[in-house]
Amino acid sequence: MDSEFIEDLQSESAFLSQDIKELGNKTILDFLSAPVQNGTAEYNQSVYDMVSNSSHEHLSVRIIYYLDLYFVPIMVVVGLLGNLISFLVFVATYMRRLSSSVYLAALSMVDMVFL
């Protein structure tokens, strides 16, 4: 009786380890595209292929490309202008008498260097 129990445990262990390996190779898209049948989610290769080959991936790549192409340079220019104006305000006006203005002017300079 014990040998049958041990064999059952070993076979279940083999199935579980295989399931865990397969689970480790799946992505979130696999889980989202798997239909629910009989209370369990089964992997559906055709749905995965259809979703992964769709234009959604291409659209997201194009969006990221255009953000890098246009948005980042605009943000750098706006950031440089804003930091330059704040530096001039903290240094050239009556605010330079305040000790906090020295720190804020230094912060704007460091921020410009970082940009």
Protein backbone atom coordinates (compact mmCIF):
# COMPACT_ATOMS: atom_id res chain seq x y z
CA MET A 1 0.00 0.00 0.00
CA ASP A 2 2.80 2.40 0.82
CA SER A 3 4.56 1.78 -2.48
CA GLU A 4 1.41 2.69 -4.43
CA PHE A 5 1.02 5.84 -2.37
CA ILE A 6 4.65 6.79 -3.01
CA GLU A 7 4.28 6.13 -6.75
CA ASP A 8 1.16 8.29 -6.84
CA LEU A 9 2.97 11.07 -5.03
CA GLN A 10 5.91 10.82 -7.41
CA SER A 11 3.70 10.93 -10.49
CA GLU A 12 1.75 13.89 -9.09
CA SER A 13 5.04 15.57 -8.24
CA ALA A 14 6.24 15.06 -11.82
CA PHE A 15 3.04 16.61 -13.20
CA LEU A 16 3.27 19.52 -10.77
CA SER A 17 6.90 20.21 -11.60
CA GLN A 18 6.06 20.15 -15.32
CA ASP A 19 3.13 22.51 -14.71
CA ILE A 20 5.37 24.84 -12.72
CA LYS A 21 7.96 24.85 -15.52
CA GLU A 22 5.26 25.65 -18.07
CA LEU A 23 3.84 28.30 -15.77
CA GLY A 24 7.27 29.92 -15.49
CA ASN A 25 7.50 30.21 -19.27
CA LYS A 26 4.16 31.96 -19.66
CA THR A 27 3.62 35.67 -19.71
CA ILE A 28 0.72 37.75 -18.49
CA LEU A 29 -0.57 37.78 -22.06
CA ASP A 30 -0.87 33.99 -21.90
CA PHE A 31 -3.11 34.20 -18.87
CA LEU A 32 -5.21 37.03 -20.24
CA SER A 33 -5.77 35.33 -23.57
CA ALA A 34 -6.54 31.88 -22.14
CA PRO A 35 -10.25 31.04 -22.17
CA VAL A 36 -11.83 29.57 -19.06
CA GLN A 37 -13.17 26.06 -19.67
CA ASN A 38 -14.53 23.72 -17.00
CA GLY A 39 -13.34 26.05 -14.26
CA THR A 40 -9.70 26.00 -15.37
CA ALA A 41 -7.80 28.29 -17.69
CA GLU A 42 -6.31 26.48 -20.64
CA TYR A 43 -3.60 27.84 -22.86
CA ASN A 44 -4.93 28.79 -26.28
CA GLN A 45 -2.13 29.13 -28.80
CA SER A 46 -4.29 30.56 -31.57
CA VAL A 47 -5.55 33.39 -29.37
CA TYR A 48 -2.01 34.10 -28.21
CA ASP A 49 -0.74 34.20 -31.80
CA MET A 50 -3.58 36.44 -32.85
CA VAL A 51 -3.00 38.89 -29.99
CA SER A 52 0.79 38.90 -30.15
CA ASN A 53 0.86 39.44 -33.90
CA SER A 54 -1.73 42.18 -33.81
CA SER A 55 -1.10 45.82 -34.45
CA HIS A 56 -1.19 46.63 -30.73
CA GLU A 57 2.50 45.87 -30.36
CA HIS A 58 3.32 47.97 -33.39
CA LEU A 59 1.16 50.80 -32.11
CA SER A 60 2.90 50.84 -28.73
CA VAL A 61 6.31 50.82 -30.39
CA ARG A 62 5.28 53.75 -32.60
CA ILE A 63 3.93 55.66 -29.60
CA ILE A 64 7.19 55.19 -27.70
CA TYR A 65 9.18 56.20 -30.78
CA TYR A 66 7.24 59.44 -31.24
CA LEU A 67 7.41 60.22 -27.52
CA ASP A 68 11.18 59.84 -27.66
CA LEU A 69 11.38 61.85 -30.84
CA TYR A 70 9.20 64.82 -29.86
CA PHE A 71 8.21 64.80 -26.19
CA VAL A 72 11.65 64.34 -24.62
CA PRO A 73 13.34 67.24 -26.48
CA ILE A 74 10.38 69.52 -25.72
CA MET A 75 10.59 68.63 -22.03
CA VAL A 76 14.35 69.26 -22.01
CA VAL A 77 13.94 72.71 -23.61
CA VAL A 78 11.09 73.65 -21.25
CA GLY A 79 13.09 72.38 -18.27
CA LEU A 80 16.20 74.31 -19.27
CA LEU A 81 14.25 77.52 -19.79
CA GLY A 82 12.39 77.14 -16.50
CA ASN A 83 15.56 76.43 -14.56
CA LEU A 84 17.38 79.33 -16.21
CA ILE A 85 14.56 81.73 -15.34
CA SER A 86 14.41 80.50 -11.75
CA PHE A 87 18.20 80.79 -11.43
CA LEU A 88 18.10 84.38 -12.69
CA VAL A 89 15.25 85.25 -10.34
CA PHE A 90 17.03 83.82 -7.31
CA VAL A 91 20.36 85.47 -8.15
CA ALA A 92 19.49 88.81 -9.78
CA THR A 93 16.58 90.08 -7.69
CA TYR A 94 16.18 91.09 -4.09
CA MET A 95 15.67 87.42 -3.28
CA ARG A 96 19.44 86.84 -3.36
CA ARG A 97 19.55 88.24 0.18
CA LEU A 98 17.63 85.23 1.43
CA SER A 99 19.67 82.19 2.38
CA SER A 100 17.12 79.85 0.84
CA SER A 101 17.60 81.54 -2.53
CA VAL A 102 21.20 80.35 -2.64
CA TYR A 103 20.04 76.76 -2.23
CA LEU A 104 17.26 77.14 -4.78
CA ALA A 105 19.65 78.74 -7.28
CA ALA A 106 22.07 75.86 -6.77
CA LEU A 107 19.20 73.41 -7.22
CA SER A 108 18.21 75.01 -10.51
CA MET A 109 21.82 74.84 -11.73
CA VAL A 110 22.15 71.18 -10.79
CA ASP A 111 18.83 70.46 -12.46
CA MET A 112 20.04 72.14 -15.66
CA VAL A 113 23.20 70.05 -15.61
CA PHE A 114 21.12 66.91 -15.10
CA LEU A 115 18.89 67.75 -18.07
